[in-house]
């Protein structure tokens, strides 16, 4: 699996979305299959949609930590080396685990699109 440079988001910062907003609120390290998984919990709110209001709690899984917070980008944000979780079997197991441990309805996984490959 490839390792990618991952820029850590700012916690507690609301981001506008098409029908509302969302925010990442807390970050965690989770022991899983002999490694450490980096993930966040947050919330989303649908409050600008024509279909009515709503929202949910969610977890966002960055992936396996390879090297934690080893650098900073030009804005001062922390950068870690992350191995994304690509295998569906592992994703399903993590979804089940996180939904039982946290008050979340969704579990999403980071998939690098244009991130720089480290190795």
N, C-alpha and C. Protein backbone atom coordinates (compact mmCIF):
# COMPACT_ATOMS: atom_id res chain seq x y z
N UNK A 1 0.85 -1.19 0.00
CA UNK A 1 0.00 0.00 0.00
C UNK A 1 0.89 1.24 0.00
N UNK A 2 0.43 2.28 -0.60
CA UNK A 2 1.16 3.54 -0.67
C UNK A 2 0.94 4.37 0.59
N UNK A 3 1.92 5.19 0.88
CA UNK A 3 1.86 6.11 2.00
C UNK A 3 1.76 7.52 1.43
N UNK A 4 0.89 8.34 2.02
CA UNK A 4 0.63 9.68 1.52
C UNK A 4 0.86 10.72 2.60
N UNK A 5 1.25 11.91 2.18
CA UNK A 5 1.32 13.06 3.08
C UNK A 5 -0.11 13.52 3.34
N UNK A 6 -0.48 13.60 4.60
CA UNK A 6 -1.83 13.96 5.00
C UNK A 6 -1.77 15.23 5.84
N UNK A 7 -2.46 16.27 5.41
CA UNK A 7 -2.51 17.53 6.15
C UNK A 7 -3.69 17.50 7.11
N UNK A 8 -3.40 17.67 8.38
CA UNK A 8 -4.44 17.62 9.42
C UNK A 8 -5.35 18.84 9.32
N UNK A 9 -6.66 18.62 9.39
CA UNK A 9 -7.60 19.75 9.35
C UNK A 9 -7.65 20.47 10.70
N UNK A 10 -8.22 21.65 10.69
CA UNK A 10 -8.42 22.43 11.92
C UNK A 10 -9.68 21.91 12.60
N UNK A 11 -9.58 21.53 13.86
CA UNK A 11 -10.74 21.05 14.61
C UNK A 11 -11.65 22.21 14.99
N UNK A 12 -12.94 21.95 14.99
CA UNK A 12 -13.92 22.94 15.41
C UNK A 12 -14.24 24.01 14.39
N UNK A 13 -13.65 23.93 13.22
CA UNK A 13 -13.87 24.92 12.17
C UNK A 13 -15.03 24.46 11.28
N UNK A 14 -16.09 25.26 11.23
CA UNK A 14 -17.23 24.89 10.38
C UNK A 14 -16.90 25.11 8.91
N UNK A 15 -17.24 24.12 8.11
CA UNK A 15 -17.05 24.19 6.66
C UNK A 15 -18.42 24.20 6.00
N UNK A 16 -18.59 25.11 5.06
CA UNK A 16 -19.85 25.17 4.32
C UNK A 16 -19.95 24.00 3.36
N UNK A 17 -21.13 23.46 3.22
CA UNK A 17 -21.41 22.38 2.28
C UNK A 17 -22.62 22.77 1.46
N UNK A 18 -22.99 21.94 0.50
CA UNK A 18 -24.04 22.30 -0.43
C UNK A 18 -25.40 22.54 0.24
N UNK A 19 -25.68 21.83 1.33
CA UNK A 19 -26.99 21.99 1.99
C UNK A 19 -26.87 22.35 3.46
N UNK A 20 -25.69 22.81 3.88
CA UNK A 20 -25.51 23.16 5.28
C UNK A 20 -24.04 23.32 5.62
N UNK A 21 -23.62 22.66 6.70
CA UNK A 21 -22.23 22.76 7.12
C UNK A 21 -21.84 21.53 7.93
N UNK A 22 -20.52 21.39 8.12
CA UNK A 22 -20.01 20.29 8.94
C UNK A 22 -18.78 20.77 9.70
N UNK A 23 -18.40 20.00 10.72
CA UNK A 23 -17.23 20.34 11.50
C UNK A 23 -16.62 19.06 12.07
N UNK A 24 -15.30 18.99 12.03
CA UNK A 24 -14.57 17.92 12.72
C UNK A 24 -14.29 18.43 14.12
N UNK A 25 -14.67 17.65 15.14
CA UNK A 25 -14.59 18.14 16.51
C UNK A 25 -13.49 17.50 17.36
N UNK A 26 -13.23 16.21 17.19
CA UNK A 26 -12.23 15.52 18.01
C UNK A 26 -11.42 14.58 17.14
N UNK A 27 -10.19 14.29 17.57
CA UNK A 27 -9.34 13.35 16.85
C UNK A 27 -8.89 12.25 17.80
N UNK A 28 -8.67 11.06 17.23
CA UNK A 28 -8.36 9.89 18.05
C UNK A 28 -7.35 8.98 17.36
N UNK A 29 -6.59 8.26 18.17
CA UNK A 29 -5.79 7.13 17.71
C UNK A 29 -6.49 5.88 18.23
N UNK A 30 -6.66 4.90 17.36
CA UNK A 30 -7.35 3.67 17.70
C UNK A 30 -6.46 2.47 17.38
N UNK A 31 -6.11 1.65 18.37
CA UNK A 31 -5.37 0.42 18.07
C UNK A 31 -6.27 -0.51 17.24
N UNK A 32 -5.73 -1.00 16.12
CA UNK A 32 -6.52 -1.84 15.22
C UNK A 32 -5.58 -2.74 14.43
N UNK A 33 -5.76 -4.04 14.58
CA UNK A 33 -4.97 -5.03 13.85
C UNK A 33 -3.45 -4.80 13.99
N UNK A 34 -3.03 -4.47 15.19
CA UNK A 34 -1.61 -4.29 15.46
C UNK A 34 -1.02 -2.97 15.00
N UNK A 35 -1.87 -2.05 14.55
CA UNK A 35 -1.42 -0.74 14.08
C UNK A 35 -2.26 0.33 14.74
N UNK A 36 -1.97 1.59 14.42
CA UNK A 36 -2.74 2.72 14.94
C UNK A 36 -3.50 3.40 13.81
N UNK A 37 -4.81 3.55 13.99
CA UNK A 37 -5.66 4.23 13.01
C UNK A 37 -5.96 5.64 13.53
N UNK A 38 -5.80 6.63 12.65
CA UNK A 38 -6.11 8.03 12.97
C UNK A 38 -7.49 8.35 12.44
N UNK A 39 -8.38 8.86 13.34
CA UNK A 39 -9.72 9.23 12.88
C UNK A 39 -10.25 10.42 13.66
N UNK A 40 -11.28 11.01 13.12
CA UNK A 40 -11.94 12.18 13.70
C UNK A 40 -13.41 11.88 13.89
N UNK A 41 -14.04 12.57 14.83
CA UNK A 41 -15.50 12.58 14.89
C UNK A 41 -15.96 14.02 14.69
N UNK A 42 -17.16 14.14 14.16
CA UNK A 42 -17.70 15.47 13.90
C UNK A 42 -19.20 15.39 13.68
N UNK A 43 -19.75 16.47 13.19
CA UNK A 43 -21.19 16.53 12.92
C UNK A 43 -21.43 17.25 11.60
N UNK A 44 -22.57 16.94 11.02
CA UNK A 44 -23.02 17.70 9.85
C UNK A 44 -24.44 18.16 10.10
N UNK A 45 -24.75 19.32 9.56
CA UNK A 45 -26.07 19.91 9.73
C UNK A 45 -26.60 20.30 8.36
N UNK A 46 -27.80 19.84 8.05
CA UNK A 46 -28.49 20.25 6.82
C UNK A 46 -29.47 21.33 7.24
N UNK A 47 -29.16 22.58 6.90
CA UNK A 47 -30.03 23.68 7.32
C UNK A 47 -30.27 24.70 6.20
N UNK A 48 -29.79 24.42 5.00
CA UNK A 48 -30.03 25.33 3.87
C UNK A 48 -30.61 24.57 2.68
N UNK A 49 -31.24 23.47 2.96
CA UNK A 49 -31.82 22.64 1.90
C UNK A 49 -33.31 22.94 1.76
N UNK A 50 -33.81 22.81 0.55
CA UNK A 50 -35.24 23.01 0.33
C UNK A 50 -36.05 21.83 0.86
N UNK A 51 -35.38 20.73 1.20
CA UNK A 51 -36.07 19.50 1.62
C UNK A 51 -36.27 19.41 3.12
N UNK A 52 -35.80 20.39 3.89
CA UNK A 52 -35.96 20.37 5.33
C UNK A 52 -34.65 20.14 6.05
N UNK A 53 -34.66 20.37 7.37
CA UNK A 53 -33.44 20.27 8.16
C UNK A 53 -33.10 18.82 8.54
N UNK A 54 -31.86 18.62 8.96
CA UNK A 54 -31.41 17.31 9.43
C UNK A 54 -29.95 17.40 9.83
N UNK A 55 -29.38 16.26 10.09
CA UNK A 55 -27.97 16.22 10.45
C UNK A 55 -27.59 14.87 10.99
N UNK A 56 -26.30 14.69 11.26
CA UNK A 56 -25.82 13.44 11.83
C UNK A 56 -24.43 13.62 12.41
N UNK A 57 -24.06 12.67 13.26
CA UNK A 57 -22.70 12.57 13.72
C UNK A 57 -21.95 11.63 12.79
N UNK A 58 -20.67 11.90 12.57
CA UNK A 58 -19.91 11.03 11.67
C UNK A 58 -18.49 10.84 12.17
N UNK A 59 -17.87 9.78 11.68
CA UNK A 59 -16.44 9.55 11.89
C UNK A 59 -15.77 9.64 10.53
N UNK A 60 -14.59 10.23 10.51
CA UNK A 60 -13.79 10.33 9.30
C UNK A 60 -12.45 9.67 9.58
N UNK A 61 -12.18 8.56 8.90
CA UNK A 61 -10.97 7.77 9.14
C UNK A 61 -9.91 8.19 8.13
N UNK A 62 -8.81 8.75 8.64
CA UNK A 62 -7.70 9.14 7.76
C UNK A 62 -6.94 7.90 7.29
N UNK A 63 -6.63 6.99 8.21
CA UNK A 63 -5.93 5.76 7.85
C UNK A 63 -4.94 5.35 8.92
N UNK A 64 -4.05 4.43 8.53
CA UNK A 64 -3.02 3.96 9.45
C UNK A 64 -1.90 4.99 9.56
N UNK A 65 -1.48 5.27 10.79
CA UNK A 65 -0.37 6.19 11.02
C UNK A 65 0.94 5.50 10.65
N UNK A 66 1.72 6.14 9.80
CA UNK A 66 3.07 5.68 9.49
C UNK A 66 4.07 6.56 10.24
N UNK A 67 3.85 7.88 10.17
CA UNK A 67 4.67 8.85 10.88
C UNK A 67 3.76 10.01 11.27
N UNK A 68 3.61 10.25 12.56
CA UNK A 68 2.63 11.22 13.07
C UNK A 68 3.24 12.61 13.24
N UNK A 69 2.57 13.59 12.64
CA UNK A 69 2.89 15.02 12.82
C UNK A 69 4.39 15.31 12.73
N UNK A 70 5.00 14.90 11.65
CA UNK A 70 6.44 15.04 11.49
C UNK A 70 6.85 16.31 10.76
N UNK A 71 5.86 17.05 10.22
CA UNK A 71 6.19 18.28 9.47
C UNK A 71 4.99 19.23 9.54
N UNK A 72 5.20 20.43 9.00
CA UNK A 72 4.13 21.42 8.89
C UNK A 72 4.10 21.95 7.47
N UNK A 73 2.89 22.34 7.00
CA UNK A 73 2.80 22.94 5.68
C UNK A 73 3.01 24.45 5.79
N UNK A 74 2.84 25.16 4.69
CA UNK A 74 3.09 26.61 4.65
C UNK A 74 2.17 27.40 5.58
N UNK A 75 0.99 26.85 5.90
CA UNK A 75 0.06 27.54 6.80
C UNK A 75 0.26 27.17 8.25
N UNK A 76 1.17 26.23 8.52
CA UNK A 76 1.42 25.78 9.89
C UNK A 76 0.64 24.54 10.29
N UNK A 77 -0.14 23.98 9.36
CA UNK A 77 -0.91 22.77 9.65
C UNK A 77 0.03 21.56 9.74
N UNK A 78 -0.28 20.67 10.67
CA UNK A 78 0.52 19.46 10.83
C UNK A 78 0.37 18.52 9.64
N UNK A 79 1.45 17.81 9.32
CA UNK A 79 1.44 16.81 8.26
C UNK A 79 1.89 15.48 8.85
N UNK A 80 1.16 14.43 8.53
CA UNK A 80 1.52 13.07 8.92
C UNK A 80 1.62 12.21 7.67
N UNK A 81 2.36 11.12 7.78
CA UNK A 81 2.36 10.12 6.71
C UNK A 81 1.32 9.08 7.08
N UNK A 82 0.38 8.86 6.15
CA UNK A 82 -0.78 7.99 6.38
C UNK A 82 -0.87 6.94 5.29
N UNK A 83 -1.24 5.73 5.68
CA UNK A 83 -1.57 4.68 4.72
C UNK A 83 -3.09 4.55 4.73
N UNK A 84 -3.75 4.94 3.65
CA UNK A 84 -5.21 4.84 3.61
C UNK A 84 -5.69 3.40 3.79
N UNK A 85 -6.88 3.26 4.33
CA UNK A 85 -7.48 1.94 4.51
C UNK A 85 -8.32 1.65 3.28
N UNK A 86 -7.83 0.77 2.44
CA UNK A 86 -8.46 0.52 1.15
C UNK A 86 -9.26 -0.77 1.11
N UNK A 87 -8.87 -1.76 1.91
CA UNK A 87 -9.55 -3.06 1.85
C UNK A 87 -10.92 -2.98 2.50
N UNK A 88 -11.93 -3.42 1.77
CA UNK A 88 -13.31 -3.34 2.23
C UNK A 88 -13.53 -4.12 3.52
N UNK A 89 -12.86 -5.24 3.69
CA UNK A 89 -13.00 -6.04 4.91
C UNK A 89 -12.59 -5.22 6.14
N UNK A 90 -11.48 -4.50 6.04
CA UNK A 90 -11.02 -3.66 7.14
C UNK A 90 -11.96 -2.49 7.36
N UNK A 91 -12.46 -1.91 6.30
CA UNK A 91 -13.40 -0.80 6.42
C UNK A 91 -14.68 -1.23 7.14
N UNK A 92 -15.21 -2.40 6.76
CA UNK A 92 -16.43 -2.89 7.41
C UNK A 92 -16.20 -3.12 8.90
N UNK A 93 -15.06 -3.71 9.24
CA UNK A 93 -14.75 -3.97 10.64
C UNK A 93 -14.62 -2.65 11.42
N UNK A 94 -13.97 -1.67 10.83
CA UNK A 94 -13.84 -0.36 11.48
C UNK A 94 -15.18 0.36 11.60
N UNK A 95 -16.01 0.28 10.57
CA UNK A 95 -17.35 0.89 10.65
C UNK A 95 -18.11 0.36 11.86
N UNK A 96 -18.12 -0.95 11.99
CA UNK A 96 -18.84 -1.59 13.09
C UNK A 96 -18.26 -1.16 14.44
N UNK A 97 -16.94 -1.17 14.55
CA UNK A 97 -16.28 -0.80 15.79
C UNK A 97 -16.56 0.66 16.16
N UNK A 98 -16.41 1.57 15.21
CA UNK A 98 -16.61 2.99 15.50
C UNK A 98 -18.06 3.33 15.82
N UNK A 99 -18.99 2.67 15.16
CA UNK A 99 -20.41 2.93 15.45
C UNK A 99 -20.80 2.45 16.85
N UNK A 100 -20.09 1.45 17.38
CA UNK A 100 -20.39 1.00 18.75
C UNK A 100 -19.66 1.84 19.79
N UNK A 101 -18.53 2.45 19.42
CA UNK A 101 -17.74 3.24 20.37
C UNK A 101 -18.09 4.72 20.40
N UNK A 102 -18.65 5.23 19.35
CA UNK A 102 -18.90 6.67 19.22
C UNK A 102 -20.34 6.91 18.80
N UNK A 103 -20.88 8.09 19.13
CA UNK A 103 -22.26 8.40 18.70
C UNK A 103 -22.27 8.90 17.25
N UNK A 104 -21.97 7.99 16.31
CA UNK A 104 -21.92 8.36 14.90
C UNK A 104 -22.88 7.50 14.09
N UNK A 105 -23.43 8.08 13.05
CA UNK A 105 -24.30 7.35 12.14
C UNK A 105 -23.59 6.98 10.85
N UNK A 106 -22.52 7.70 10.54
CA UNK A 106 -21.75 7.44 9.31
C UNK A 106 -20.28 7.28 9.65
N UNK A 107 -19.60 6.42 8.87
CA UNK A 107 -18.15 6.31 8.96
C UNK A 107 -17.62 6.43 7.54
N UNK A 108 -16.80 7.46 7.31
CA UNK A 108 -16.24 7.73 5.98
C UNK A 108 -14.72 7.55 6.03
N UNK A 109 -14.13 7.22 4.88
CA UNK A 109 -12.71 6.94 4.80
C UNK A 109 -12.04 7.90 3.83
N UNK A 110 -10.85 8.37 4.23
CA UNK A 110 -10.07 9.25 3.37
C UNK A 110 -9.54 8.45 2.19
N UNK A 111 -9.74 9.00 1.02
CA UNK A 111 -9.19 8.42 -0.21
C UNK A 111 -8.42 9.51 -0.91
N UNK A 112 -7.10 9.39 -0.93
CA UNK A 112 -6.32 10.46 -1.56
C UNK A 112 -6.58 10.53 -3.05
N UNK A 113 -6.85 11.72 -3.53
CA UNK A 113 -7.09 11.94 -4.96
C UNK A 113 -5.86 12.53 -5.62
N UNK A 114 -5.38 13.61 -5.04
CA UNK A 114 -4.23 14.30 -5.62
C UNK A 114 -3.13 14.49 -4.60
N UNK A 115 -3.17 13.72 -3.51
CA UNK A 115 -2.15 13.85 -2.46
C UNK A 115 -0.80 13.37 -2.98
N UNK A 116 0.24 13.88 -2.39
CA UNK A 116 1.59 13.48 -2.78
C UNK A 116 1.92 12.11 -2.21
N UNK A 117 2.36 11.20 -3.03
CA UNK A 117 2.76 9.88 -2.59
C UNK A 117 4.15 9.98 -1.97
N UNK A 118 4.29 9.39 -0.78
CA UNK A 118 5.57 9.40 -0.07
C UNK A 118 6.41 8.18 -0.43
N UNK A 119 5.76 7.02 -0.61
CA UNK A 119 6.53 5.82 -0.98
C UNK A 119 5.61 4.80 -1.61
